[in-house]
Protein backbone atom coordinates (compact mmCIF):
# COMPACT_ATOMS: atom_id res chain seq x y z
CA MET A 1 38.47 5.00 82.07
CA LYS A 2 38.90 3.64 85.57
CA SER A 3 37.21 5.60 88.37
CA ASP A 4 39.28 7.10 91.16
CA VAL A 5 39.60 5.21 94.41
CA SER A 6 38.22 7.12 97.40
CA ALA A 7 40.89 8.52 99.65
CA GLU A 8 41.21 6.72 102.96
CA HIS A 9 44.31 8.42 104.38
CA ALA A 10 45.94 11.82 104.25
CA ALA A 11 49.50 12.89 104.87
CA PHE A 12 51.34 16.15 105.29
CA ILE A 13 54.96 17.21 105.50
CA THR A 14 56.22 19.29 108.41
CA ASP A 15 59.88 20.00 109.06
CA GLY A 16 60.73 17.78 106.10
CA ILE A 17 59.09 14.71 107.65
CA ARG A 18 56.07 12.97 106.08
CA ARG A 19 53.41 12.36 108.73
CA SER A 20 50.00 10.77 108.53
CA PHE A 21 47.01 12.96 109.26
CA PRO A 22 45.95 12.24 112.86
CA VAL A 23 42.21 12.16 112.04
CA PRO A 24 40.63 9.53 109.77
CA LEU A 25 39.04 11.08 106.69
CA SER A 26 35.63 9.73 107.73
CA GLU A 27 35.83 11.93 110.87
CA LEU A 28 36.86 15.16 109.11
CA PRO A 29 33.29 16.55 109.11
CA ASP A 30 33.23 16.20 112.92
CA LEU A 31 36.63 17.89 113.18
CA GLU A 32 35.43 20.72 110.94
CA ARG A 33 32.35 21.24 113.13
CA ALA A 34 34.61 21.33 116.19
CA PHE A 35 36.84 23.98 114.61
CA ILE A 36 33.83 26.05 113.59
CA GLY A 37 32.37 25.76 117.11
CA LEU A 38 35.66 26.88 118.65
CA ARG A 39 35.93 29.75 116.17
CA ASP A 40 32.39 30.91 116.89
CA ALA A 41 32.88 30.69 120.66
CA SER A 42 36.15 32.63 120.47
CA ARG A 43 34.50 35.44 118.49
CA ARG A 44 32.38 36.21 121.55
CA ILE A 45 35.51 37.14 123.52
CA THR A 46 36.73 40.72 123.36
CA PRO A 47 40.53 40.61 123.71
CA SER A 48 40.76 44.25 124.83
CA GLN A 49 38.48 43.63 127.84
CA PRO A 50 39.35 41.65 130.97
CA LEU A 51 37.64 38.23 130.89
CA SER A 52 36.09 38.92 134.30
CA GLN A 53 34.14 41.82 132.75
CA GLN A 54 32.66 39.74 129.93
CA PRO A 55 29.53 37.56 130.03
CA LEU A 56 31.36 34.28 129.36
CA ASN A 57 29.92 31.96 132.02
CA TYR A 58 28.55 29.68 129.30
CA LEU A 59 32.16 28.94 128.30
CA ASP A 60 33.21 27.93 131.84
CA ILE A 61 32.63 24.23 131.15
CA SER A 62 34.72 21.12 130.52
CA VAL A 63 36.04 20.27 127.06
CA GLU A 64 33.70 17.26 126.98
CA ALA A 65 30.66 19.45 127.75
CA PHE A 66 31.74 21.96 125.09
CA ILE A 67 32.00 19.19 122.49
CA ARG A 68 28.64 17.68 123.52
CA ARG A 69 27.08 21.12 123.18
CA MET A 70 28.19 21.16 119.54
CA SER A 71 26.46 17.79 118.94
CA LEU A 72 29.64 16.06 117.89
CA LEU A 73 30.29 12.39 118.22
CA GLN A 74 31.13 12.46 121.90
CA GLN A 75 32.88 9.12 122.21
CA ARG A 76 35.31 9.64 119.34
CA LEU A 77 36.29 13.21 120.18
CA THR A 78 36.49 12.96 123.95
CA CYS A 79 38.81 10.00 123.56
CA SER A 80 41.04 12.07 121.29
CA VAL A 81 41.00 15.03 123.68
CA ARG A 82 42.11 12.89 126.62
CA SER A 83 45.01 11.29 124.71
């Protein structure tokens, strides 16, 4: 039996149109860490309280600094964020 070829690309269909996944499969672990970091940071925010009454100064930083703080591959992700 022939072994499976490793996936190199992904695609999804939205609004009936087939589109390629915008992130290479090799970078999906970095993307997952970014999503987890964003999720964890957002859990510290209490929606029922005004932001000015919450201790959120550590979140008052640039996107690049936020990504660096999560120890992600800075060059790849900051380029994507700026695009």
